[in-house]
């Protein structure tokens, strides 16, 4: 299961990682975010080359604003400290696989 990160460790874990990082911008009260959780868990086990993290937008509004997160769930794939792909809204397992490809 994806580790939850905070604004204080976001830079170290997401931006300074030497492997791709997928950050799930979510909120505990968000229904689609809860629906996305098992889909992300399944993808995580199939993608050991990617680190998966969750970031609660209510606890990290400054990070959400910095990356233009307006709706949740939003997934952002980071490589070498740069946001390279963004997906907004609930994805199916197949859609998530295509996003990670």
Protein backbone atom coordinates (compact mmCIF):
# COMPACT_ATOMS: atom_id res chain seq x y z
CA UNK A 1 0.00 0.00 0.00
CA UNK A 2 1.27 3.45 -0.93
CA UNK A 3 2.95 5.36 1.86
CA UNK A 4 1.37 8.69 2.75
CA UNK A 5 3.80 11.58 2.47
CA UNK A 6 3.68 15.11 3.83
CA UNK A 7 4.77 18.48 2.45
CA UNK A 8 7.96 18.23 4.53
CA UNK A 9 9.09 14.97 2.91
CA UNK A 10 7.56 15.51 -0.55
CA UNK A 11 10.72 16.98 -2.07
CA UNK A 12 12.98 14.26 -0.73
CA UNK A 13 10.70 11.31 -1.57
CA UNK A 14 9.04 12.45 -4.79
CA UNK A 15 11.43 14.91 -6.39
CA UNK A 16 14.83 13.49 -5.41
CA UNK A 17 13.98 9.86 -6.12
CA UNK A 18 16.23 8.00 -8.53
CA UNK A 19 13.24 5.99 -9.79
CA UNK A 20 9.87 7.16 -11.17
CA UNK A 21 7.36 8.21 -8.49
CA UNK A 22 3.57 8.20 -8.77
CA UNK A 23 1.87 10.57 -6.34
CA UNK A 24 -1.84 10.14 -5.67
CA UNK A 25 -3.26 13.52 -4.64
CA UNK A 26 -6.33 12.55 -2.61
CA UNK A 27 -8.57 13.46 0.34
CA UNK A 28 -10.03 11.15 2.98
CA UNK A 29 -13.58 12.42 2.27
CA UNK A 30 -13.35 11.86 -1.51
CA UNK A 31 -15.44 8.92 -2.77
CA UNK A 32 -13.61 8.50 -6.11
CA UNK A 33 -10.30 8.63 -4.20
CA UNK A 34 -11.42 5.74 -2.00
CA UNK A 35 -12.51 3.83 -5.12
CA UNK A 36 -9.08 4.47 -6.67
CA UNK A 37 -7.16 3.05 -3.66
CA UNK A 38 -7.49 -0.69 -4.50
CA UNK A 39 -6.71 0.01 -8.17
CA UNK A 40 -3.51 1.77 -7.14
CA UNK A 41 -2.63 -1.04 -4.72
CA UNK A 42 -2.97 -3.61 -7.50
CA UNK A 43 -0.83 -1.52 -9.86
CA UNK A 44 1.79 -0.97 -7.16
CA UNK A 45 2.40 -4.69 -6.75
CA UNK A 46 2.87 -5.02 -10.52
CA UNK A 47 5.26 -2.08 -10.87
CA UNK A 48 8.21 -2.50 -8.49
CA UNK A 49 10.15 -0.02 -10.65
CA UNK A 50 7.82 2.83 -9.57
CA UNK A 51 7.42 4.23 -6.06
CA UNK A 52 3.81 4.96 -5.10
CA UNK A 53 2.92 7.69 -2.60
CA UNK A 54 -0.29 9.34 -1.41
CA UNK A 55 -0.55 13.04 -0.55
CA UNK A 56 -3.62 14.36 1.30
CA UNK A 57 -4.50 17.68 -0.34
CA UNK A 58 -6.20 18.89 2.85
CA UNK A 59 -2.90 18.49 4.71
CA UNK A 60 -0.75 19.76 1.83
CA UNK A 61 -2.65 22.50 -0.01
CA UNK A 62 0.57 24.30 -0.99
CA UNK A 63 1.89 21.23 -2.83
CA UNK A 64 -1.47 20.71 -4.55
CA UNK A 65 -1.49 24.34 -5.71
CA UNK A 66 2.12 24.16 -6.91
CA UNK A 67 1.23 21.26 -9.22
CA UNK A 68 -2.12 22.66 -10.36
CA UNK A 69 -4.27 20.04 -8.62
CA UNK A 70 -7.83 21.35 -8.94
CA UNK A 71 -9.78 18.08 -8.69
CA UNK A 72 -9.12 14.81 -6.95
CA UNK A 73 -8.07 12.14 -7.39
CA UNK A 74 -5.15 13.46 -9.41
CA UNK A 75 -2.18 11.26 -10.22
CA UNK A 76 1.15 12.84 -11.13
CA UNK A 77 4.09 10.80 -12.35
CA UNK A 78 7.47 12.32 -11.49
CA UNK A 79 10.76 11.41 -13.16
CA UNK A 80 14.04 13.08 -12.22
CA UNK A 81 12.20 15.65 -10.13
CA UNK A 82 9.86 16.72 -12.91
CA UNK A 83 6.13 16.10 -13.31
CA UNK A 84 5.98 14.21 -16.62
CA UNK A 85 2.36 12.95 -16.68
CA UNK A 86 -0.87 13.95 -14.98
CA UNK A 87 -4.23 12.22 -14.81
CA UNK A 88 -7.34 13.70 -13.21
CA UNK A 89 -10.25 11.57 -12.07
CA UNK A 90 -10.92 7.93 -11.35
CA UNK A 91 -9.07 5.46 -13.59
CA UNK A 92 -9.77 1.82 -14.25
CA UNK A 93 -6.95 -0.68 -13.82
CA UNK A 94 -6.39 -0.76 -17.58
CA UNK A 95 -6.34 3.05 -17.77
CA UNK A 96 -3.82 3.20 -14.93
CA UNK A 97 -1.63 0.61 -16.70
CA UNK A 98 -1.72 2.75 -19.86
CA UNK A 99 -0.84 5.85 -17.81
CA UNK A 100 2.17 4.07 -16.29
CA UNK A 101 3.37 2.67 -19.63
